[in-house]
PDB file of N, CA and C in Angstrom:
ATOM      1  N   UNK A   1      -0.611  29.706   1.831  1.00  0.00           N
ATOM      2  CA  UNK A   1      -1.379  30.524   2.227  1.00  0.00           C
ATOM      3  C   UNK A   1      -1.899  30.532   3.744  1.00  0.00           C
ATOM      4  N   UNK A   2      -1.644  30.961   4.708  1.00  0.00           N
ATOM      5  CA  UNK A   2      -2.664  30.542   5.826  1.00  0.00           C
ATOM      6  C   UNK A   2      -3.862  30.435   5.572  1.00  0.00           C
ATOM      7  N   UNK A   3      -4.228  29.977   6.739  1.00  0.00           N
ATOM      8  CA  UNK A   3      -5.748  29.169   6.797  1.00  0.00           C
ATOM      9  C   UNK A   3      -6.792  30.354   6.898  1.00  0.00           C
ATOM     10  N   UNK A   4      -6.301  31.642   7.784  1.00  0.00           N
ATOM     11  CA  UNK A   4      -6.968  32.911   7.680  1.00  0.00           C
ATOM     12  C   UNK A   4      -7.373  33.248   6.387  1.00  0.00           C
ATOM     13  N   UNK A   5      -6.175  33.516   5.339  1.00  0.00           N
ATOM     14  CA  UNK A   5      -6.639  33.637   4.160  1.00  0.00           C
ATOM     15  C   UNK A   5      -7.530  32.776   3.509  1.00  0.00           C
ATOM     16  N   UNK A   6      -7.371  31.903   3.124  1.00  0.00           N
ATOM     17  CA  UNK A   6      -8.083  31.024   2.654  1.00  0.00           C
ATOM     18  C   UNK A   6      -9.701  31.373   3.210  1.00  0.00           C
ATOM     19  N   UNK A   7      -9.722  30.803   4.526  1.00  0.00           N
ATOM     20  CA  UNK A   7     -11.175  31.125   4.994  1.00  0.00           C
ATOM     21  C   UNK A   7     -12.119  32.840   4.244  1.00  0.00           C
ATOM     22  N   UNK A   8     -10.980  33.719   4.716  1.00  0.00           N
ATOM     23  CA  UNK A   8     -11.592  35.001   4.167  1.00  0.00           C
ATOM     24  C   UNK A   8     -11.965  34.787   2.507  1.00  0.00           C
ATOM     25  N   UNK A   9     -10.962  34.175   1.916  1.00  0.00           N
ATOM     26  CA  UNK A   9     -11.146  33.980   0.482  1.00  0.00           C
ATOM     27  C   UNK A   9     -12.535  33.429  -0.238  1.00  0.00           C
ATOM     28  N   UNK A  10     -12.710  32.228   0.513  1.00  0.00           N
ATOM     29  CA  UNK A  10     -13.794  31.242   0.536  1.00  0.00           C
ATOM     30  C   UNK A  10     -14.630  31.938   0.857  1.00  0.00           C
ATOM     31  N   UNK A  11     -14.917  32.617   2.372  1.00  0.00           N
ATOM     32  CA  UNK A  11     -16.240  33.493   2.617  1.00  0.00           C
ATOM     33  C   UNK A  11     -16.612  34.477   1.637  1.00  0.00           C
ATOM     34  N   UNK A  12     -15.200  35.353   1.252  1.00  0.00           N
ATOM     35  CA  UNK A  12     -15.933  36.201   0.380  1.00  0.00           C
ATOM     36  C   UNK A  12     -16.712  35.962  -0.787  1.00  0.00           C
ATOM     37  N   UNK A  13     -16.388  34.702  -1.599  1.00  0.00           N
ATOM     38  CA  UNK A  13     -17.199  34.080  -2.374  1.00  0.00           C
ATOM     39  C   UNK A  13     -18.348  33.939  -2.194  1.00  0.00           C
ATOM     40  N   UNK A  14     -18.688  33.625  -1.032  1.00  0.00           N
ATOM     41  CA  UNK A  14     -19.661  32.765  -1.024  1.00  0.00           C
ATOM     42  C   UNK A  14     -20.709  33.334   0.285  1.00  0.00           C
ATOM     43  N   UNK A  15     -19.956  34.471   1.271  1.00  0.00           N
ATOM     44  CA  UNK A  15     -21.179  35.260   1.800  1.00  0.00           C
ATOM     45  C   UNK A  15     -20.971  36.396   1.315  1.00  0.00           C
ATOM     46  N   UNK A  16     -22.139  37.012   1.633  1.00  0.00           N
ATOM     47  CA  UNK A  16     -22.668  38.801   0.941  1.00  0.00           C
ATOM     48  C   UNK A  16     -21.278  39.648   1.444  1.00  0.00           C
ATOM     49  N   UNK A  17     -20.997  40.010   0.318  1.00  0.00           N
ATOM     50  CA  UNK A  17     -19.982  41.265   0.538  1.00  0.00           C
ATOM     51  C   UNK A  17     -20.521  41.999   1.922  1.00  0.00           C
ATOM     52  N   UNK A  18     -21.564  42.303   2.231  1.00  0.00           N
ATOM     53  CA  UNK A  18     -21.590  43.346   3.186  1.00  0.00           C
ATOM     54  C   UNK A  18     -21.338  42.615   4.774  1.00  0.00           C
ATOM     55  N   UNK A  19     -21.652  41.423   4.717  1.00  0.00           N
ATOM     56  CA  UNK A  19     -20.965  40.555   5.905  1.00  0.00           C
ATOM     57  C   UNK A  19     -19.522  40.496   6.182  1.00  0.00           C
ATOM     58  N   UNK A  20     -18.959  40.267   4.978  1.00  0.00           N
ATOM     59  CA  UNK A  20     -17.336  40.094   5.406  1.00  0.00           C
ATOM     60  C   UNK A  20     -16.577  41.609   4.461  1.00  0.00           C
ATOM     61  N   UNK A  21     -15.837  42.257   5.594  1.00  0.00           N
ATOM     62  CA  UNK A  21     -14.975  43.526   4.987  1.00  0.00           C
ATOM     63  C   UNK A  21     -13.888  43.682   5.818  1.00  0.00           C
ATOM     64  N   UNK A  22     -13.193  44.220   5.397  1.00  0.00           N
ATOM     65  CA  UNK A  22     -11.880  43.858   6.090  1.00  0.00           C
ATOM     66  C   UNK A  22     -11.616  44.625   7.717  1.00  0.00           C
ATOM     67  N   UNK A  23     -12.495  45.554   7.683  1.00  0.00           N
ATOM     68  CA  UNK A  23     -13.063  46.290   8.788  1.00  0.00           C
ATOM     69  C   UNK A  23     -13.661  45.551  10.042  1.00  0.00           C
ATOM     70  N   UNK A  24     -14.501  44.225   9.242  1.00  0.00           N
ATOM     71  CA  UNK A  24     -15.326  43.860  10.231  1.00  0.00           C
ATOM     72  C   UNK A  24     -15.047  42.095  10.060  1.00  0.00           C
ATOM     73  N   UNK A  25     -14.586  41.378  10.932  1.00  0.00           N
ATOM     74  CA  UNK A  25     -13.750  40.482  10.460  1.00  0.00           C
ATOM     75  C   UNK A  25     -15.036  39.198  10.644  1.00  0.00           C
ATOM     76  N   UNK A  26     -15.231  37.905  10.350  1.00  0.00           N
ATOM     77  CA  UNK A  26     -16.057  37.085  10.398  1.00  0.00           C
ATOM     78  C   UNK A  26     -16.410  36.779  11.624  1.00  0.00           C
ATOM     79  N   UNK A  27     -17.530  36.503  12.278  1.00  0.00           N
ATOM     80  CA  UNK A  27     -17.636  36.156  13.697  1.00  0.00           C
ATOM     81  C   UNK A  27     -17.724  34.914  13.938  1.00  0.00           C
ATOM     82  N   UNK A  28     -17.633  34.001  14.963  1.00  0.00           N
ATOM     83  CA  UNK A  28     -17.049  32.736  15.148  1.00  0.00           C
ATOM     84  C   UNK A  28     -17.947  31.880  14.601  1.00  0.00           C
ATOM     85  N   UNK A  29     -19.461  31.858  14.701  1.00  0.00           N
ATOM     86  CA  UNK A  29     -20.403  31.235  14.172  1.00  0.00           C
ATOM     87  C   UNK A  29     -20.475  31.356  12.431  1.00  0.00           C
ATOM     88  N   UNK A  30     -19.866  32.321  12.055  1.00  0.00           N
ATOM     89  CA  UNK A  30     -19.688  32.679  10.492  1.00  0.00           C
ATOM     90  C   UNK A  30     -18.559  31.701  10.002  1.00  0.00           C
ATOM     91  N   UNK A  31     -17.733  31.442  11.060  1.00  0.00           N
ATOM     92  CA  UNK A  31     -16.263  31.388  10.318  1.00  0.00           C
ATOM     93  C   UNK A  31     -16.665  29.562  10.476  1.00  0.00           C
ATOM     94  N   UNK A  32     -17.349  29.289  11.648  1.00  0.00           N
ATOM     95  CA  UNK A  32     -17.840  27.969  11.647  1.00  0.00           C
ATOM     96  C   UNK A  32     -18.947  27.241  11.011  1.00  0.00           C
ATOM     97  N   UNK A  33     -19.375  28.068  10.077  1.00  0.00           N
ATOM     98  CA  UNK A  33     -20.506  27.812   8.846  1.00  0.00           C
ATOM     99  C   UNK A  33     -19.856  27.742   7.829  1.00  0.00           C
ATOM    100  N   UNK A  34     -18.881  28.277   7.715  1.00  0.00           N
ATOM    101  CA  UNK A  34     -18.039  28.362   6.532  1.00  0.00           C
ATOM    102  C   UNK A  34     -16.887  27.365   6.580  1.00  0.00           C
ATOM    103  N   UNK A  35     -16.760  26.579   7.565  1.00  0.00           N
ATOM    104  CA  UNK A  35     -15.666  25.546   7.479  1.00  0.00           C
ATOM    105  C   UNK A  35     -16.730  24.470   7.322  1.00  0.00           C
ATOM    106  N   UNK A  36     -18.025  24.309   7.638  1.00  0.00           N
ATOM    107  CA  UNK A  36     -18.788  23.119   8.024  1.00  0.00           C
ATOM    108  C   UNK A  36     -19.092  23.025   6.022  1.00  0.00           C
ATOM    109  N   UNK A  37     -19.073  24.028   5.834  1.00  0.00           N
ATOM    110  CA  UNK A  37     -19.636  24.316   4.152  1.00  0.00           C
ATOM    111  C   UNK A  37     -18.448  24.024   3.344  1.00  0.00           C
ATOM    112  N   UNK A  38     -17.380  23.841   3.645  1.00  0.00           N
ATOM    113  CA  UNK A  38     -16.388  23.710   3.252  1.00  0.00           C
ATOM    114  C   UNK A  38     -15.743  21.993   3.169  1.00  0.00           C
ATOM    115  N   UNK A  39     -16.092  21.848   4.358  1.00  0.00           N
ATOM    116  CA  UNK A  39     -15.993  20.307   4.528  1.00  0.00           C
ATOM    117  C   UNK A  39     -17.092  19.351   3.621  1.00  0.00           C
ATOM    118  N   UNK A  40     -18.462  19.825   4.118  1.00  0.00           N
ATOM    119  CA  UNK A  40     -19.493  19.104   3.112  1.00  0.00           C
ATOM    120  C   UNK A  40     -19.234  19.388   1.732  1.00  0.00           C
ATOM    121  N   UNK A  41     -18.355  20.494   1.255  1.00  0.00           N
ATOM    122  CA  UNK A  41     -18.240  20.280  -0.283  1.00  0.00           C
ATOM    123  C   UNK A  41     -17.049  19.521  -0.718  1.00  0.00           C
ATOM    124  N   UNK A  42     -16.102  19.500   0.160  1.00  0.00           N
ATOM    125  CA  UNK A  42     -15.029  18.342   0.075  1.00  0.00           C
ATOM    126  C   UNK A  42     -15.343  16.775   0.068  1.00  0.00           C
ATOM    127  N   UNK A  43     -16.565  16.500   1.117  1.00  0.00           N
ATOM    128  CA  UNK A  43     -16.766  14.866   1.006  1.00  0.00           C
ATOM    129  C   UNK A  43     -17.657  14.762  -0.049  1.00  0.00           C
ATOM    130  N   UNK A  44     -18.442  15.826  -0.782  1.00  0.00           N
ATOM    131  CA  UNK A  44     -19.529  15.711  -1.868  1.00  0.00           C
ATOM    132  C   UNK A  44     -18.632  15.543  -2.831  1.00  0.00           C
ATOM    133  N   UNK A  45     -17.607  16.341  -3.000  1.00  0.00           N
ATOM    134  CA  UNK A  45     -16.760  15.880  -4.201  1.00  0.00           C
ATOM    135  C   UNK A  45     -15.639  14.925  -4.288  1.00  0.00           C
ATOM    136  N   UNK A  46     -15.356  13.971  -3.185  1.00  0.00           N
ATOM    137  CA  UNK A  46     -14.560  13.083  -2.967  1.00  0.00           C
ATOM    138  C   UNK A  46     -15.675  11.788  -3.430  1.00  0.00           C
ATOM    139  N   UNK A  47     -17.080  12.056  -2.978  1.00  0.00           N
ATOM    140  CA  UNK A  47     -17.807  10.677  -3.122  1.00  0.00           C
ATOM    141  C   UNK A  47     -18.306  10.805  -4.392  1.00  0.00           C
ATOM    142  N   UNK A  48     -18.298  12.306  -5.237  1.00  0.00           N
ATOM    143  CA  UNK A  48     -18.481  12.134  -7.266  1.00  0.00           C
ATOM    144  C   UNK A  48     -17.520  11.536  -7.490  1.00  0.00           C
ATOM    145  N   UNK A  49     -16.406  11.763  -6.990  1.00  0.00           N
ATOM    146  CA  UNK A  49     -15.430  11.290  -7.528  1.00  0.00           C
ATOM    147  C   UNK A  49     -15.255   9.722  -7.502  1.00  0.00           C
ATOM    148  N   UNK A  50     -15.545   9.409  -6.574  1.00  0.00           N
ATOM    149  CA  UNK A  50     -15.536   7.435  -6.039  1.00  0.00           C
ATOM    150  C   UNK A  50     -16.916   7.065  -7.098  1.00  0.00           C
ATOM    151  N   UNK A  51     -17.794   7.657  -7.653  1.00  0.00           N
ATOM    152  CA  UNK A  51     -18.926   7.264  -8.495  1.00  0.00           C
ATOM    153  C   UNK A  51     -18.206   7.300  -9.783  1.00  0.00           C
ATOM    154  N   UNK A  52     -17.368   8.061  -9.995  1.00  0.00           N
ATOM    155  CA  UNK A  52     -16.695   8.354 -11.348  1.00  0.00           C
ATOM    156  C   UNK A  52     -15.559   7.285 -11.482  1.00  0.00           C
ATOM    157  N   UNK A  53     -14.635   7.030 -10.737  1.00  0.00           N
ATOM    158  CA  UNK A  53     -13.645   6.204 -10.544  1.00  0.00           C
ATOM    159  C   UNK A  53     -13.494   5.476  -9.364  1.00  0.00           C
ATOM    160  N   UNK A  54     -14.379   4.333  -8.968  1.00  0.00           N
ATOM    161  CA  UNK A  54     -14.602   3.378  -8.082  1.00  0.00           C
ATOM    162  C   UNK A  54     -13.358   2.949  -7.726  1.00  0.00           C
ATOM    163  N   UNK A  55     -12.218   2.780  -8.509  1.00  0.00           N
ATOM    164  CA  UNK A  55     -10.984   1.799  -8.187  1.00  0.00           C
ATOM    165  C   UNK A  55      -9.604   2.951  -8.207  1.00  0.00           C
ATOM    166  N   UNK A  56      -8.955   2.605  -7.565  1.00  0.00           N
ATOM    167  CA  UNK A  56      -7.189   3.240  -7.523  1.00  0.00           C
ATOM    168  C   UNK A  56      -5.950   1.978  -7.699  1.00  0.00           C
ATOM    169  N   UNK A  57      -4.877   2.488  -7.883  1.00  0.00           N
ATOM    170  CA  UNK A  57      -4.209   1.238  -7.977  1.00  0.00           C
ATOM    171  C   UNK A  57      -3.721   0.704  -6.393  1.00  0.00           C
ATOM    172  N   UNK A  58      -3.585  -0.512  -6.545  1.00  0.00           N
ATOM    173  CA  UNK A  58      -3.147  -1.328  -5.452  1.00  0.00           C
ATOM    174  C   UNK A  58      -1.868  -0.587  -4.522  1.00  0.00           C
ATOM    175  N   UNK A  59      -1.969  -0.227  -3.424  1.00  0.00           N
ATOM    176  CA  UNK A  59      -0.843  -0.027  -2.949  1.00  0.00           C
ATOM    177  C   UNK A  59       0.466  -0.800  -2.306  1.00  0.00           C
ATOM    178  N   UNK A  60       0.332  -2.005  -2.535  1.00  0.00           N
ATOM    179  CA  UNK A  60       1.234  -3.063  -2.140  1.00  0.00           C
ATOM    180  C   UNK A  60       2.221  -3.026  -3.840  1.00  0.00           C
ATOM    181  N   UNK A  61       1.544  -3.487  -4.812  1.00  0.00           N
ATOM    182  CA  UNK A  61       2.238  -3.090  -6.254  1.00  0.00           C
ATOM    183  C   UNK A  61       2.268  -2.066  -6.901  1.00  0.00           C
ATOM    184  N   UNK A  62       1.666  -1.480  -6.210  1.00  0.00           N
ATOM    185  CA  UNK A  62       1.806  -0.039  -7.219  1.00  0.00           C
ATOM    186  C   UNK A  62       0.891   0.115  -8.631  1.00  0.00           C
ATOM    187  N   UNK A  63      -0.074  -1.024  -8.546  1.00  0.00           N
ATOM    188  CA  UNK A  63      -0.915  -0.904  -9.753  1.00  0.00           C
ATOM    189  C   UNK A  63      -0.482  -1.732 -10.993  1.00  0.00           C
ATOM    190  N   UNK A  64       0.904  -2.471 -10.720  1.00  0.00           N
ATOM    191  CA  UNK A  64       1.241  -3.798 -11.298  1.00  0.00           C
ATOM    192  C   UNK A  64       0.588  -5.018 -11.294  1.00  0.00           C
ATOM    193  N   UNK A  65       0.043  -5.470 -10.292  1.00  0.00           N
ATOM    194  CA  UNK A  65      -0.558  -6.557 -10.075  1.00  0.00           C
ATOM    195  C   UNK A  65       0.125  -7.720  -9.866  1.00  0.00           C
ATOM    196  N   UNK A  66       1.628  -7.288  -9.788  1.00  0.00           N
ATOM    197  CA  UNK A  66       2.949  -8.155  -9.598  1.00  0.00           C
ATOM    198  C   UNK A  66       3.626  -8.019  -8.469  1.00  0.00           C
ATOM    199  N   UNK A  67       4.095  -9.251  -7.794  1.00  0.00           N
ATOM    200  CA  UNK A  67       5.092  -8.640  -6.707  1.00  0.00           C
ATOM    201  C   UNK A  67       6.316  -9.796  -6.917  1.00  0.00           C
ATOM    202  N   UNK A  68       7.522  -9.258  -6.147  1.00  0.00           N
ATOM    203  CA  UNK A  68       8.723 -10.276  -6.816  1.00  0.00           C
ATOM    204  C   UNK A  68       8.464 -11.503  -5.597  1.00  0.00           C
ATOM    205  N   UNK A  69       9.338 -12.802  -6.346  1.00  0.00           N
ATOM    206  CA  UNK A  69       9.491 -13.848  -5.185  1.00  0.00           C
ATOM    207  C   UNK A  69      10.091 -13.586  -4.369  1.00  0.00           C
ATOM    208  N   UNK A  70      10.375 -13.873  -2.838  1.00  0.00           N
ATOM    209  CA  UNK A  70      11.273 -13.980  -2.040  1.00  0.00           C
ATOM    210  C   UNK A  70      12.848 -13.786  -2.341  1.00  0.00           C
ATOM    211  N   UNK A  71      13.390 -14.408  -3.456  1.00  0.00           N
ATOM    212  CA  UNK A  71      14.683 -14.290  -4.105  1.00  0.00           C
ATOM    213  C   UNK A  71      14.786 -13.214  -5.001  1.00  0.00           C
ATOM    214  N   UNK A  72      13.806 -12.612  -5.506  1.00  0.00           N
ATOM    215  CA  UNK A  72      14.032 -11.327  -6.639  1.00  0.00           C
ATOM    216  C   UNK A  72      13.915 -11.457  -7.632  1.00  0.00           C
ATOM    217  N   UNK A  73      13.907 -12.901  -8.233  1.00  0.00           N
ATOM    218  CA  UNK A  73      14.145 -13.329  -9.951  1.00  0.00           C
ATOM    219  C   UNK A  73      12.669 -13.285 -10.470  1.00  0.00           C
ATOM    220  N   UNK A  74      11.832 -14.115  -9.592  1.00  0.00           N
ATOM    221  CA  UNK A  74      10.356 -14.515 -10.061  1.00  0.00           C
ATOM    222  C   UNK A  74       9.209 -13.292  -9.874  1.00  0.00           C
ATOM    223  N   UNK A  75       8.250 -13.416 -10.453  1.00  0.00           N
ATOM    224  CA  UNK A  75       7.339 -12.547 -10.248  1.00  0.00           C
ATOM    225  C   UNK A  75       6.293 -13.461  -9.869  1.00  0.00           C
ATOM    226  N   UNK A  76       5.128 -12.759  -8.998  1.00  0.00           N
ATOM    227  CA  UNK A  76       3.950 -13.707  -8.713  1.00  0.00           C
ATOM    228  C   UNK A  76       3.014 -12.625  -8.398  1.00  0.00           C
ATOM    229  N   UNK A  77       1.433 -13.174  -8.868  1.00  0.00           N
ATOM    230  CA  UNK A  77       0.426 -12.005  -8.343  1.00  0.00           C
ATOM    231  C   UNK A  77       0.333 -11.413  -7.171  1.00  0.00           C
ATOM    232  N   UNK A  78       0.174 -10.246  -6.862  1.00  0.00           N
ATOM    233  CA  UNK A  78       0.248  -9.718  -5.856  1.00  0.00           C
ATOM    234  C   UNK A  78      -1.225 -10.151  -5.063  1.00  0.00           C
ATOM    235  N   UNK A  79      -0.492 -10.257  -3.531  1.00  0.00           N
ATOM    236  CA  UNK A  79      -1.542 -10.718  -2.809  1.00  0.00           C
ATOM    237  C   UNK A  79      -2.534 -10.321  -2.531  1.00  0.00           C
ATOM    238  N   UNK A  80      -2.450  -8.821  -2.514  1.00  0.00           N
ATOM    239  CA  UNK A  80      -3.673  -8.064  -1.589  1.00  0.00           C
ATOM    240  C   UNK A  80      -4.644  -7.873  -2.755  1.00  0.00           C
ATOM    241  N   UNK A  81      -4.514  -7.219  -4.225  1.00  0.00           N
ATOM    242  CA  UNK A  81      -4.922  -7.212  -5.398  1.00  0.00           C
ATOM    243  C   UNK A  81      -5.477  -8.404  -6.034  1.00  0.00           C
ATOM    244  N   UNK A  82      -4.802  -9.583  -5.833  1.00  0.00           N
ATOM    245  CA  UNK A  82      -4.965 -10.811  -6.640  1.00  0.00           C
ATOM    246  C   UNK A  82      -4.482 -10.619  -8.419  1.00  0.00           C
ATOM    247  N   UNK A  83      -3.770  -9.782  -8.259  1.00  0.00           N
ATOM    248  CA  UNK A  83      -2.912  -9.852  -9.578  1.00  0.00           C
ATOM    249  C   UNK A  83      -3.885  -8.610 -10.404  1.00  0.00           C
ATOM    250  N   UNK A  84      -4.935  -7.986  -9.837  1.00  0.00           N
ATOM    251  CA  UNK A  84      -5.554  -7.026 -10.610  1.00  0.00           C
ATOM    252  C   UNK A  84      -5.158  -5.886 -10.980  1.00  0.00           C
ATOM    253  N   UNK A  85      -4.266  -5.302  -9.702  1.00  0.00           N
ATOM    254  CA  UNK A  85      -3.677  -3.910  -9.670  1.00  0.00           C
ATOM    255  C   UNK A  85      -4.725  -2.985  -9.541  1.00  0.00           C
ATOM    256  N   UNK A  86      -5.805  -3.260  -8.757  1.00  0.00           N
ATOM    257  CA  UNK A  86      -6.512  -2.425  -8.552  1.00  0.00           C
ATOM    258  C   UNK A  86      -7.151  -2.412  -6.943  1.00  0.00           C
ATOM    259  N   UNK A  87      -7.446  -1.447  -6.641  1.00  0.00           N
ATOM    260  CA  UNK A  87      -8.057  -1.671  -4.949  1.00  0.00           C
ATOM    261  C   UNK A  87      -9.771  -0.871  -5.040  1.00  0.00           C
ATOM    262  N   UNK A  88     -10.471  -1.252  -4.542  1.00  0.00           N
ATOM    263  CA  UNK A  88     -11.643  -0.600  -4.286  1.00  0.00           C
ATOM    264  C   UNK A  88     -11.462   0.855  -3.305  1.00  0.00           C
ATOM    265  N   UNK A  89     -11.859   1.927  -3.536  1.00  0.00           N
ATOM    266  CA  UNK A  89     -11.423   2.911  -3.143  1.00  0.00           C
ATOM    267  C   UNK A  89     -12.717   3.002  -1.576  1.00  0.00           C
ATOM    268  N   UNK A  90     -12.363   3.292  -0.486  1.00  0.00           N
ATOM    269  CA  UNK A  90     -12.977   3.663   0.903  1.00  0.00           C
ATOM    270  C   UNK A  90     -14.766   3.998   0.428  1.00  0.00           C
ATOM    271  N   UNK A  91     -14.665   5.450  -0.291  1.00  0.00           N
ATOM    272  CA  UNK A  91     -15.816   5.801  -0.649  1.00  0.00           C
ATOM    273  C   UNK A  91     -16.967   5.186  -1.471  1.00  0.00           C
ATOM    274  N   UNK A  92     -16.329   4.402  -2.331  1.00  0.00           N
ATOM    275  CA  UNK A  92     -16.524   3.448  -3.433  1.00  0.00           C
ATOM    276  C   UNK A  92     -17.311   2.032  -2.441  1.00  0.00           C
ATOM    277  N   UNK A  93     -16.960   1.561  -1.645  1.00  0.00           N
ATOM    278  CA  UNK A  93     -17.356   0.302  -0.739  1.00  0.00           C
ATOM    279  C   UNK A  93     -18.494   1.104   0.182  1.00  0.00           C
ATOM    280  N   UNK A  94     -18.272   2.184   0.575  1.00  0.00           N
ATOM    281  CA  UNK A  94     -19.564   3.321   1.368  1.00  0.00           C
ATOM    282  C   UNK A  94     -20.711   3.270   0.691  1.00  0.00           C
ATOM    283  N   UNK A  95     -20.722   3.421  -0.941  1.00  0.00           N
ATOM    284  CA  UNK A  95     -21.619   3.714  -1.808  1.00  0.00           C
ATOM    285  C   UNK A  95     -22.380   2.524  -2.116  1.00  0.00           C
ATOM    286  N   UNK A  96     -21.333   1.471  -2.261  1.00  0.00           N
ATOM    287  CA  UNK A  96     -21.741   0.372  -2.650  1.00  0.00           C
ATOM    288  C   UNK A  96     -22.742  -0.298  -1.387  1.00  0.00           C
ATOM    289  N   UNK A  97     -22.164  -0.236  -0.075  1.00  0.00           N
ATOM    290  CA  UNK A  97     -23.133  -1.015   1.006  1.00  0.00           C
ATOM    291  C   UNK A  97     -24.574  -0.393   1.192  1.00  0.00           C
ATOM    292  N   UNK A  98     -24.330   1.409   0.870  1.00  0.00           N
ATOM    293  CA  UNK A  98     -25.520   1.837   0.824  1.00  0.00           C
ATOM    294  C   UNK A  98     -26.660   1.377  -0.028  1.00  0.00           C
ATOM    295  N   UNK A  99     -25.960   1.082  -1.252  1.00  0.00           N
ATOM    296  CA  UNK A  99     -26.868   0.780  -2.762  1.00  0.00           C
ATOM    297  C   UNK A  99     -27.215  -0.847  -2.158  1.00  0.00           C
ATOM    298  N   UNK A 100     -26.649  -1.693  -1.832  1.00  0.00           N
ATOM    299  CA  UNK A 100     -26.874  -2.810  -0.980  1.00  0.00           C
ATOM    300  C   UNK A 100     -27.962  -2.877  -0.421  1.00  0.00           C
ATOM    301  N   UNK A 101     -27.997  -2.166   0.941  1.00  0.00           N
ATOM    302  CA  UNK A 101     -28.947  -2.193   1.989  1.00  0.00           C
ATOM    303  C   UNK A 101     -30.272  -1.436   1.137  1.00  0.00           C
ATOM    304  N   UNK A 102     -30.510  -1.168   0.276  1.00  0.00           N
ATOM    305  CA  UNK A 102     -31.655  -0.305  -0.096  1.00  0.00           C
ATOM    306  C   UNK A 102     -32.376  -1.507  -1.238  1.00  0.00           C
ATOM    307  N   UNK A 103     -31.496  -2.472  -1.856  1.00  0.00           N
ATOM    308  CA  UNK A 103     -32.101  -3.304  -2.164  1.00  0.00           C
ATOM    309  C   UNK A 103     -32.328  -4.362  -1.863  1.00  0.00           C
ATOM    310  N   UNK A 104     -32.576  -4.558  -0.508  1.00  0.00           N
ATOM    311  CA  UNK A 104     -33.040  -5.650   0.184  1.00  0.00           C
ATOM    312  C   UNK A 104     -34.382  -5.736   0.125  1.00  0.00           C
TER     313      UNK A 104
END
């Protein structure tokens, strides 16, 4: 779906119908407001997801916590995640840093 269609679809659900009609397209300021609102909503949803699920799979070992030895026969603990298979998401680090600053 082209970006203009998505913008019109989002604007038609948020902005009153008297403003958005097919005969009268959105003004530049209204388009900017819709994009900013969409961006803020996406950031809020991402941070909410980081609160609920603070960890994701390690990208190096794909969540297994193991990596093969150089010759390929033995396994070792992954260096990046130290064998846990998890990594802390960026949003979780930001939230934790904010909490730690408040508790000082």
